[in-house]
Amino acid sequence: MKKNNADQNTNIAGRVFDPTDYEKKDQLSSGLATTHEQATDTYTEGEIGAVIDDVDGKDIEIGKKTKK
């Protein structure tokens, strides 16, 4: 039983993102899809300062208070 558990842990630890993870419902696939989305957004944004794209077309910087 312990050998099977060790093999399973190795398979999980070696797992990388696959585009089909967006459709899967298990926790690992969901986590990989979320992490991939965050990394892609950060890479695409092209800057260190984190912002949220507002639906009104205005960027909101994370961590800074804004007035409405």
PDB file of N, CA and C in Angstrom:
ATOM      1  N   MET A   1       0.821  -1.189   0.000  1.00  0.00           N
ATOM      2  CA  MET A   1       0.000   0.000   0.000  1.00  0.00           C
ATOM      3  C   MET A   1       0.865   1.254   0.000  1.00  0.00           C
ATOM      4  N   LYS A   2       1.949   1.268   0.775  1.00  0.00           N
ATOM      5  CA  LYS A   2       2.803   2.445   0.831  1.00  0.00           C
ATOM      6  C   LYS A   2       3.473   2.723  -0.512  1.00  0.00           C
ATOM      7  N   LYS A   3       3.850   1.689  -1.233  1.00  0.00           N
ATOM      8  CA  LYS A   3       4.490   1.866  -2.537  1.00  0.00           C
ATOM      9  C   LYS A   3       3.534   2.548  -3.509  1.00  0.00           C
ATOM     10  N   ASN A   4       2.273   2.156  -3.509  1.00  0.00           N
ATOM     11  CA  ASN A   4       1.276   2.752  -4.396  1.00  0.00           C
ATOM     12  C   ASN A   4       1.080   4.231  -4.055  1.00  0.00           C
ATOM     13  N   ASN A   5       1.033   4.563  -2.765  1.00  0.00           N
ATOM     14  CA  ASN A   5       0.866   5.946  -2.337  1.00  0.00           C
ATOM     15  C   ASN A   5       2.064   6.797  -2.765  1.00  0.00           C
ATOM     16  N   ALA A   6       3.265   6.248  -2.655  1.00  0.00           N
ATOM     17  CA  ALA A   6       4.468   6.971  -3.069  1.00  0.00           C
ATOM     18  C   ALA A   6       4.445   7.240  -4.574  1.00  0.00           C
ATOM     19  N   ASP A   7       4.011   6.255  -5.363  1.00  0.00           N
ATOM     20  CA  ASP A   7       3.910   6.449  -6.817  1.00  0.00           C
ATOM     21  C   ASP A   7       2.884   7.522  -7.160  1.00  0.00           C
ATOM     22  N   GLN A   8       1.773   7.527  -6.439  1.00  0.00           N
ATOM     23  CA  GLN A   8       0.730   8.520  -6.686  1.00  0.00           C
ATOM     24  C   GLN A   8       1.257   9.927  -6.381  1.00  0.00           C
ATOM     25  N   ASN A   9       1.981  10.083  -5.288  1.00  0.00           N
ATOM     26  CA  ASN A   9       2.543  11.388  -4.938  1.00  0.00           C
ATOM     27  C   ASN A   9       3.528  11.867  -5.989  1.00  0.00           C
ATOM     28  N   THR A  10       4.327  10.962  -6.532  1.00  0.00           N
ATOM     29  CA  THR A  10       5.273  11.320  -7.579  1.00  0.00           C
ATOM     30  C   THR A  10       4.537  11.774  -8.830  1.00  0.00           C
ATOM     31  N   ASN A  11       3.454  11.124  -9.178  1.00  0.00           N
ATOM     32  CA  ASN A  11       2.683  11.516 -10.354  1.00  0.00           C
ATOM     33  C   ASN A  11       2.068  12.900 -10.172  1.00  0.00           C
ATOM     34  N   ILE A  12       1.559  13.188  -8.992  1.00  0.00           N
ATOM     35  CA  ILE A  12       0.973  14.495  -8.729  1.00  0.00           C
ATOM     36  C   ILE A  12       2.044  15.572  -8.736  1.00  0.00           C
ATOM     37  N   ALA A  13       3.179  15.312  -8.114  1.00  0.00           N
ATOM     38  CA  ALA A  13       4.255  16.301  -8.033  1.00  0.00           C
ATOM     39  C   ALA A  13       4.833  16.606  -9.408  1.00  0.00           C
ATOM     40  N   GLY A  14       4.814  15.666 -10.301  1.00  0.00           N
ATOM     41  CA  GLY A  14       5.373  15.861 -11.630  1.00  0.00           C
ATOM     42  C   GLY A  14       4.376  16.411 -12.638  1.00  0.00           C
ATOM     43  N   ARG A  15       3.182  16.664 -12.223  1.00  0.00           N
ATOM     44  CA  ARG A  15       2.115  17.113 -13.130  1.00  0.00           C
ATOM     45  C   ARG A  15       2.309  18.562 -13.513  1.00  0.00           C
ATOM     46  N   VAL A  16       2.102  18.899 -14.763  1.00  0.00           N
ATOM     47  CA  VAL A  16       2.185  20.274 -15.256  1.00  0.00           C
ATOM     48  C   VAL A  16       0.871  20.654 -15.925  1.00  0.00           C
ATOM     49  N   PHE A  17       0.683  21.936 -16.187  1.00  0.00           N
ATOM     50  CA  PHE A  17      -0.551  22.434 -16.783  1.00  0.00           C
ATOM     51  C   PHE A  17      -0.780  21.839 -18.164  1.00  0.00           C
ATOM     52  N   ASP A  18      -2.026  21.518 -18.428  1.00  0.00           N
ATOM     53  CA  ASP A  18      -2.482  21.070 -19.735  1.00  0.00           C
ATOM     54  C   ASP A  18      -3.742  21.872 -20.043  1.00  0.00           C
ATOM     55  N   PRO A  19      -3.937  22.333 -21.272  1.00  0.00           N
ATOM     56  CA  PRO A  19      -5.120  23.134 -21.590  1.00  0.00           C
ATOM     57  C   PRO A  19      -6.455  22.470 -21.218  1.00  0.00           C
ATOM     58  N   THR A  20      -6.486  21.153 -21.160  1.00  0.00           N
ATOM     59  CA  THR A  20      -7.729  20.471 -20.784  1.00  0.00           C
ATOM     60  C   THR A  20      -8.049  20.642 -19.299  1.00  0.00           C
ATOM     61  N   ASP A  21      -7.096  21.178 -18.502  1.00  0.00           N
ATOM     62  CA  ASP A  21      -7.348  21.407 -17.082  1.00  0.00           C
ATOM     63  C   ASP A  21      -8.481  22.404 -16.865  1.00  0.00           C
ATOM     64  N   TYR A  22      -8.740  23.282 -17.831  1.00  0.00           N
ATOM     65  CA  TYR A  22      -9.839  24.239 -17.698  1.00  0.00           C
ATOM     66  C   TYR A  22     -11.201  23.544 -17.661  1.00  0.00           C
ATOM     67  N   GLU A  23     -11.326  22.388 -18.300  1.00  0.00           N
ATOM     68  CA  GLU A  23     -12.605  21.670 -18.317  1.00  0.00           C
ATOM     69  C   GLU A  23     -12.755  20.647 -17.198  1.00  0.00           C
ATOM     70  N   LYS A  24     -11.647  20.237 -16.600  1.00  0.00           N
ATOM     71  CA  LYS A  24     -11.699  19.202 -15.572  1.00  0.00           C
ATOM     72  C   LYS A  24     -12.202  19.773 -14.255  1.00  0.00           C
ATOM     73  N   LYS A  25     -12.769  18.913 -13.419  1.00  0.00           N
ATOM     74  CA  LYS A  25     -13.392  19.345 -12.170  1.00  0.00           C
ATOM     75  C   LYS A  25     -12.592  18.990 -10.915  1.00  0.00           C
ATOM     76  N   ASP A  26     -11.479  18.248 -11.051  1.00  0.00           N
ATOM     77  CA  ASP A  26     -10.740  17.861  -9.846  1.00  0.00           C
ATOM     78  C   ASP A  26      -9.918  19.039  -9.317  1.00  0.00           C
ATOM     79  N   GLN A  27      -9.544  18.965  -8.054  1.00  0.00           N
ATOM     80  CA  GLN A  27      -8.878  20.060  -7.365  1.00  0.00           C
ATOM     81  C   GLN A  27      -7.519  20.395  -7.990  1.00  0.00           C
ATOM     82  N   LEU A  28      -6.753  19.397  -8.363  1.00  0.00           N
ATOM     83  CA  LEU A  28      -5.440  19.631  -8.948  1.00  0.00           C
ATOM     84  C   LEU A  28      -5.553  20.369 -10.280  1.00  0.00           C
ATOM     85  N   SER A  29      -6.445  19.919 -11.146  1.00  0.00           N
ATOM     86  CA  SER A  29      -6.632  20.570 -12.440  1.00  0.00           C
ATOM     87  C   SER A  29      -7.113  22.000 -12.274  1.00  0.00           C
ATOM     88  N   SER A  30      -8.022  22.205 -11.337  1.00  0.00           N
ATOM     89  CA  SER A  30      -8.530  23.547 -11.072  1.00  0.00           C
ATOM     90  C   SER A  30      -7.409  24.475 -10.602  1.00  0.00           C
ATOM     91  N   GLY A  31      -6.562  23.978  -9.713  1.00  0.00           N
ATOM     92  CA  GLY A  31      -5.443  24.768  -9.221  1.00  0.00           C
ATOM     93  C   GLY A  31      -4.439  25.088 -10.306  1.00  0.00           C
ATOM     94  N   LEU A  32      -4.144  24.115 -11.150  1.00  0.00           N
ATOM     95  CA  LEU A  32      -3.214  24.353 -12.255  1.00  0.00           C
ATOM     96  C   LEU A  32      -3.785  25.361 -13.248  1.00  0.00           C
ATOM     97  N   ALA A  33      -5.079  25.262 -13.546  1.00  0.00           N
ATOM     98  CA  ALA A  33      -5.715  26.200 -14.475  1.00  0.00           C
ATOM     99  C   ALA A  33      -5.717  27.617 -13.907  1.00  0.00           C
ATOM    100  N   THR A  34      -6.003  27.747 -12.612  1.00  0.00           N
ATOM    101  CA  THR A  34      -6.008  29.066 -11.973  1.00  0.00           C
ATOM    102  C   THR A  34      -4.612  29.678 -11.970  1.00  0.00           C
ATOM    103  N   THR A  35      -3.614  28.879 -11.607  1.00  0.00           N
ATOM    104  CA  THR A  35      -2.240  29.366 -11.586  1.00  0.00           C
ATOM    105  C   THR A  35      -1.786  29.754 -12.986  1.00  0.00           C
ATOM    106  N   HIS A  36      -2.156  28.970 -13.981  1.00  0.00           N
ATOM    107  CA  HIS A  36      -1.794  29.290 -15.362  1.00  0.00           C
ATOM    108  C   HIS A  36      -2.436  30.604 -15.790  1.00  0.00           C
ATOM    109  N   GLU A  37      -3.690  30.797 -15.436  1.00  0.00           N
ATOM    110  CA  GLU A  37      -4.398  32.028 -15.780  1.00  0.00           C
ATOM    111  C   GLU A  37      -3.722  33.238 -15.134  1.00  0.00           C
ATOM    112  N   GLN A  38      -3.355  33.119 -13.865  1.00  0.00           N
ATOM    113  CA  GLN A  38      -2.687  34.216 -13.163  1.00  0.00           C
ATOM    114  C   GLN A  38      -1.329  34.528 -13.780  1.00  0.00           C
ATOM    115  N   ALA A  39      -0.564  33.500 -14.081  1.00  0.00           N
ATOM    116  CA  ALA A  39       0.761  33.704 -14.674  1.00  0.00           C
ATOM    117  C   ALA A  39       0.645  34.319 -16.065  1.00  0.00           C
ATOM    118  N   THR A  40      -0.310  33.856 -16.848  1.00  0.00           N
ATOM    119  CA  THR A  40      -0.521  34.398 -18.184  1.00  0.00           C
ATOM    120  C   THR A  40      -0.944  35.861 -18.114  1.00  0.00           C
ATOM    121  N   ASP A  41      -1.849  36.187 -17.210  1.00  0.00           N
ATOM    122  CA  ASP A  41      -2.286  37.571 -17.045  1.00  0.00           C
ATOM    123  C   ASP A  41      -1.126  38.477 -16.653  1.00  0.00           C
ATOM    124  N   THR A  42      -0.303  38.018 -15.725  1.00  0.00           N
ATOM    125  CA  THR A  42       0.841  38.808 -15.272  1.00  0.00           C
ATOM    126  C   THR A  42       1.838  38.990 -16.400  1.00  0.00           C
ATOM    127  N   TYR A  43       2.109  37.942 -17.141  1.00  0.00           N
ATOM    128  CA  TYR A  43       3.046  38.016 -18.260  1.00  0.00           C
ATOM    129  C   TYR A  43       2.512  38.945 -19.346  1.00  0.00           C
ATOM    130  N   THR A  44       1.240  38.832 -19.658  1.00  0.00           N
ATOM    131  CA  THR A  44       0.632  39.638 -20.708  1.00  0.00           C
ATOM    132  C   THR A  44       0.587  41.106 -20.314  1.00  0.00           C
ATOM    133  N   GLU A  45       0.339  41.363 -19.046  1.00  0.00           N
ATOM    134  CA  GLU A  45       0.261  42.742 -18.556  1.00  0.00           C
ATOM    135  C   GLU A  45       1.586  43.467 -18.773  1.00  0.00           C
ATOM    136  N   GLY A  46       2.701  42.761 -18.581  1.00  0.00           N
ATOM    137  CA  GLY A  46       3.999  43.320 -18.896  1.00  0.00           C
ATOM    138  C   GLY A  46       4.537  44.325 -17.901  1.00  0.00           C
ATOM    139  N   GLU A  47       4.047  44.317 -16.699  1.00  0.00           N
ATOM    140  CA  GLU A  47       4.560  45.246 -15.705  1.00  0.00           C
ATOM    141  C   GLU A  47       4.511  44.615 -14.325  1.00  0.00           C
ATOM    142  N   ILE A  48       5.229  45.211 -13.388  1.00  0.00           N
ATOM    143  CA  ILE A  48       5.269  44.673 -12.038  1.00  0.00           C
ATOM    144  C   ILE A  48       4.038  45.103 -11.253  1.00  0.00           C
ATOM    145  N   GLY A  49       3.601  46.341 -11.434  1.00  0.00           N
ATOM    146  CA  GLY A  49       2.445  46.855 -10.700  1.00  0.00           C
ATOM    147  C   GLY A  49       1.184  46.108 -11.087  1.00  0.00           C
ATOM    148  N   ALA A  50       0.536  45.537 -10.098  1.00  0.00           N
ATOM    149  CA  ALA A  50      -0.664  44.754 -10.371  1.00  0.00           C
ATOM    150  C   ALA A  50      -1.878  45.676 -10.525  1.00  0.00           C
ATOM    151  N   VAL A  51      -2.660  45.432 -11.563  1.00  0.00           N
ATOM    152  CA  VAL A  51      -3.873  46.208 -11.786  1.00  0.00           C
ATOM    153  C   VAL A  51      -5.025  45.282 -12.140  1.00  0.00           C
ATOM    154  N   ILE A  52      -6.215  45.777 -11.895  1.00  0.00           N
ATOM    155  CA  ILE A  52      -7.425  45.068 -12.285  1.00  0.00           C
ATOM    156  C   ILE A  52      -8.046  45.852 -13.428  1.00  0.00           C
ATOM    157  N   ASP A  53      -8.386  45.171 -14.506  1.00  0.00           N
ATOM    158  CA  ASP A  53      -9.052  45.833 -15.617  1.00  0.00           C
ATOM    159  C   ASP A  53     -10.515  46.022 -15.251  1.00  0.00           C
ATOM    160  N   ASP A  54     -10.918  47.259 -15.035  1.00  0.00           N
ATOM    161  CA  ASP A  54     -12.287  47.583 -14.660  1.00  0.00           C
ATOM    162  C   ASP A  54     -13.195  47.480 -15.884  1.00  0.00           C
ATOM    163  N   VAL A  55     -14.450  47.139 -15.655  1.00  0.00           N
ATOM    164  CA  VAL A  55     -15.391  47.001 -16.769  1.00  0.00           C
ATOM    165  C   VAL A  55     -15.646  48.328 -17.469  1.00  0.00           C
ATOM    166  N   ASP A  56     -15.392  49.438 -16.782  1.00  0.00           N
ATOM    167  CA  ASP A  56     -15.571  50.757 -17.392  1.00  0.00           C
ATOM    168  C   ASP A  56     -14.363  51.173 -18.219  1.00  0.00           C
ATOM    169  N   GLY A  57     -13.366  50.309 -18.297  1.00  0.00           N
ATOM    170  CA  GLY A  57     -12.183  50.595 -19.102  1.00  0.00           C
ATOM    171  C   GLY A  57     -11.075  51.290 -18.343  1.00  0.00           C
ATOM    172  N   LYS A  58     -11.213  51.439 -17.047  1.00  0.00           N
ATOM    173  CA  LYS A  58     -10.207  52.112 -16.231  1.00  0.00           C
ATOM    174  C   LYS A  58      -9.452  51.054 -15.425  1.00  0.00           C
ATOM    175  N   ASP A  59      -8.126  51.155 -15.388  1.00  0.00           N
ATOM    176  CA  ASP A  59      -7.319  50.219 -14.601  1.00  0.00           C
ATOM    177  C   ASP A  59      -7.322  50.645 -13.136  1.00  0.00           C
ATOM    178  N   ILE A  60      -7.501  49.677 -12.243  1.00  0.00           N
ATOM    179  CA  ILE A  60      -7.474  49.932 -10.812  1.00  0.00           C
ATOM    180  C   ILE A  60      -6.231  49.255 -10.254  1.00  0.00           C
ATOM    181  N   GLU A  61      -5.337  50.053  -9.678  1.00  0.00           N
ATOM    182  CA  GLU A  61      -4.112  49.496  -9.111  1.00  0.00           C
ATOM    183  C   GLU A  61      -4.434  48.797  -7.802  1.00  0.00           C
ATOM    184  N   ILE A  62      -3.930  47.600  -7.633  1.00  0.00           N
ATOM    185  CA  ILE A  62      -4.163  46.830  -6.413  1.00  0.00           C
ATOM    186  C   ILE A  62      -3.308  47.430  -5.298  1.00  0.00           C
ATOM    187  N   GLY A  63      -3.928  47.617  -4.155  1.00  0.00           N
ATOM    188  CA  GLY A  63      -3.210  48.147  -3.013  1.00  0.00           C
ATOM    189  C   GLY A  63      -3.315  49.655  -2.870  1.00  0.00           C
ATOM    190  N   LYS A  64      -3.919  50.324  -3.847  1.00  0.00           N
ATOM    191  CA  LYS A  64      -4.094  51.774  -3.770  1.00  0.00           C
ATOM    192  C   LYS A  64      -5.570  52.076  -3.657  1.00  0.00           C
ATOM    193  N   LYS A  65      -5.893  52.999  -2.786  1.00  0.00           N
ATOM    194  CA  LYS A  65      -7.286  53.388  -2.625  1.00  0.00           C
ATOM    195  C   LYS A  65      -7.666  54.347  -3.737  1.00  0.00           C
ATOM    196  N   THR A  66      -8.834  54.110  -4.315  1.00  0.00           N
ATOM    197  CA  THR A  66      -9.313  54.980  -5.383  1.00  0.00           C
ATOM    198  C   THR A  66     -10.621  55.622  -4.976  1.00  0.00           C
ATOM    199  N   LYS A  67     -10.860  56.784  -5.500  1.00  0.00           N
ATOM    200  CA  LYS A  67     -12.115  57.478  -5.244  1.00  0.00           C
ATOM    201  C   LYS A  67     -13.036  57.253  -6.411  1.00  0.00           C
ATOM    202  N   LYS A  68     -14.299  57.037  -6.137  1.00  0.00           N
ATOM    203  CA  LYS A  68     -15.269  56.838  -7.218  1.00  0.00           C
ATOM    204  C   LYS A  68     -16.003  58.101  -7.514  1.00  0.00           C
TER     205      LYS A  68
END
